[in-house]
Amino acid sequence: MFVFMVNFPVFSLDTIIPRDIFWFMDSFKGKNDSKVDPRFKMILWSIIAGTRGGINRAKILSLLANMPLNANKIATTLKLDHKTVIHHVNILTKNELIVKEEKDYGASYKLTQIMKDNQNVLVEIMERIGTK
């Protein structure tokens, strides 16, 4: 039996989305957008506005802005199914918007530093798509 091995290249964000591709967005920046990386903004837009469950992910991010919470508390507060919350939390973790804090019992989630620094982008997206 012959096994065909393929080595896939490892991509970084710079190779997928070059920094200078959004040069035209500099003229649209507001007062609060001066330090927002357009790639981050595009990723957040696709995660929130580009998918069916984006509104729930936006609500989770807004909830975690106040304090770290575990999945059960997020589910209770937002009145969502626990499995649904786990699904959304996994997507947010994979995209490095939240991070899991390990504890003795349970794990709580909190925002990453880049998400904390760019809360205004989340607010802008939520206002644009009609959720608050």
Protein backbone atom coordinates (compact mmCIF):
# COMPACT_ATOMS: atom_id res chain seq x y z
CA MET A 1 0.00 0.00 0.00
CA PHE A 2 1.32 3.41 -0.99
CA VAL A 3 0.83 6.34 1.38
CA PHE A 4 0.90 9.79 -0.15
CA MET A 5 2.19 12.42 2.28
CA VAL A 6 1.48 16.09 1.74
CA ASN A 7 3.11 18.83 3.76
CA PHE A 8 0.82 21.83 4.00
CA PRO A 9 2.46 25.21 4.54
CA VAL A 10 1.86 26.97 7.83
CA PHE A 11 0.18 30.32 7.31
CA SER A 12 0.36 33.32 9.54
CA LEU A 13 -2.12 36.16 9.54
CA ASP A 14 0.39 38.31 7.61
CA THR A 15 0.60 35.79 4.76
CA ILE A 16 -3.16 35.39 4.50
CA ILE A 17 -4.08 39.06 4.92
CA PRO A 18 -1.21 41.45 4.18
CA ARG A 19 -1.03 44.56 6.39
CA ASP A 20 -1.13 47.04 3.51
CA ILE A 21 -4.22 45.59 1.83
CA PHE A 22 -6.49 47.92 3.83
CA TRP A 23 -4.63 51.16 3.06
CA PHE A 24 -7.88 52.74 1.83
CA MET A 25 -9.50 52.35 5.28
CA ASP A 26 -7.19 54.96 6.80
CA SER A 27 -9.44 57.72 5.51
CA PHE A 28 -12.48 56.17 7.25
CA LYS A 29 -10.97 55.97 10.71
CA GLY A 30 -12.78 57.79 13.47
CA LYS A 31 -11.39 59.15 16.72
CA ASN A 32 -11.52 55.78 18.48
CA ASP A 33 -10.28 53.73 15.53
CA SER A 34 -6.76 55.15 15.35
CA LYS A 35 -5.06 52.03 16.71
CA VAL A 36 -7.44 49.32 15.48
CA ASP A 37 -5.79 46.80 13.20
CA PRO A 38 -8.06 46.42 10.14
CA ARG A 39 -7.33 42.68 10.08
CA PHE A 40 -8.68 42.34 13.62
CA LYS A 41 -11.74 44.33 12.64
CA MET A 42 -12.33 42.10 9.62
CA ILE A 43 -11.99 38.93 11.72
CA LEU A 44 -14.41 40.26 14.33
CA TRP A 45 -16.88 41.27 11.62
CA SER A 46 -16.78 37.79 10.10
CA ILE A 47 -17.21 36.06 13.47
CA ILE A 48 -20.07 38.31 14.61
CA ALA A 49 -21.92 39.52 11.51
CA GLY A 50 -20.91 36.85 9.00
CA THR A 51 -22.42 33.81 10.69
CA ARG A 52 -25.75 32.66 12.04
CA GLY A 53 -24.64 32.44 15.66
CA GLY A 54 -22.75 35.72 15.60
CA ILE A 55 -25.25 37.56 17.76
CA ASN A 56 -24.79 35.01 20.55
CA ARG A 57 -21.02 35.34 20.25
CA ALA A 58 -21.33 39.13 20.49
CA LYS A 59 -23.47 38.75 23.61
CA ILE A 60 -20.88 36.41 25.14
CA LEU A 61 -18.09 38.89 24.42
CA SER A 62 -20.12 41.73 25.92
CA LEU A 63 -20.86 39.66 29.01
CA LEU A 64 -17.22 38.69 29.49
CA ALA A 65 -16.18 42.35 29.28
CA ASN A 66 -17.47 42.82 32.83
CA MET A 67 -15.97 39.74 34.52
CA PRO A 68 -14.67 36.24 33.79
CA LEU A 69 -17.43 33.60 33.82
CA ASN A 70 -17.67 29.86 33.31
CA ALA A 71 -19.79 28.31 30.55
CA ASN A 72 -22.62 27.39 32.90
CA LYS A 73 -22.96 30.96 34.20
CA ILE A 74 -22.85 32.32 30.63
CA ALA A 75 -25.61 29.89 29.62
CA THR A 76 -27.75 30.84 32.61
CA THR A 77 -27.31 34.57 32.15
CA LEU A 78 -27.99 34.57 28.40
CA LYS A 79 -30.68 31.86 28.64
CA LEU A 80 -28.90 29.62 26.16
CA ASP A 81 -28.29 25.89 26.09
CA HIS A 82 -25.00 24.84 27.69
CA LYS A 83 -23.85 23.01 24.52
CA THR A 84 -24.55 26.12 22.46
CA VAL A 85 -22.41 28.21 24.78
CA ILE A 86 -19.59 25.65 24.62
CA HIS A 87 -19.74 25.76 20.81
CA HIS A 88 -19.53 29.57 20.71
CA VAL A 89 -16.83 29.70 23.39
CA ASN A 90 -14.72 27.23 21.37
CA ILE A 91 -15.01 29.44 18.29
CA LEU A 92 -14.09 32.56 20.26
CA THR A 93 -11.15 30.75 21.88
CA LYS A 94 -9.93 29.41 18.54
CA ASN A 95 -9.96 32.94 17.13
CA GLU A 96 -8.09 34.23 20.20
CA LEU A 97 -10.83 36.60 21.35
CA ILE A 98 -11.21 34.90 24.73
CA VAL A 99 -8.94 32.73 26.82
CA LYS A 100 -9.75 29.90 29.20
CA GLU A 101 -8.60 30.25 32.82
CA GLU A 102 -8.01 26.85 34.40
CA LYS A 103 -9.08 26.43 38.00
CA ASP A 104 -9.46 23.52 40.39
CA TYR A 105 -13.10 23.13 39.49
CA GLY A 106 -14.50 24.40 36.22
CA ALA A 107 -12.91 26.87 33.88
CA SER A 108 -13.81 30.48 33.44
CA TYR A 109 -13.35 32.51 30.29
CA LYS A 110 -12.09 36.06 29.96
CA LEU A 111 -11.33 38.43 27.11
CA THR A 112 -7.88 38.50 25.59
CA GLN A 113 -5.94 41.75 25.73
CA ILE A 114 -6.56 42.57 22.06
CA MET A 115 -10.29 42.16 22.59
CA LYS A 116 -10.20 44.33 25.72
CA ASP A 117 -8.32 47.02 23.81
CA ASN A 118 -10.83 46.95 20.93
CA GLN A 119 -14.19 46.84 22.72
CA ASN A 120 -15.29 49.83 20.63
CA VAL A 121 -15.15 47.66 17.50
CA LEU A 122 -17.58 45.18 19.09
CA VAL A 123 -19.92 48.02 20.07
CA GLU A 124 -19.77 49.40 16.53
CA ILE A 125 -20.57 46.01 15.01
CA MET A 126 -23.47 45.45 17.40
CA GLU A 127 -24.90 48.88 16.60
CA ARG A 128 -24.57 48.26 12.87
CA ILE A 129 -26.25 44.83 12.87
CA GLY A 130 -29.01 46.05 15.15
CA THR A 131 -28.28 44.34 18.46
CA LYS A 132 -27.32 46.01 21.63
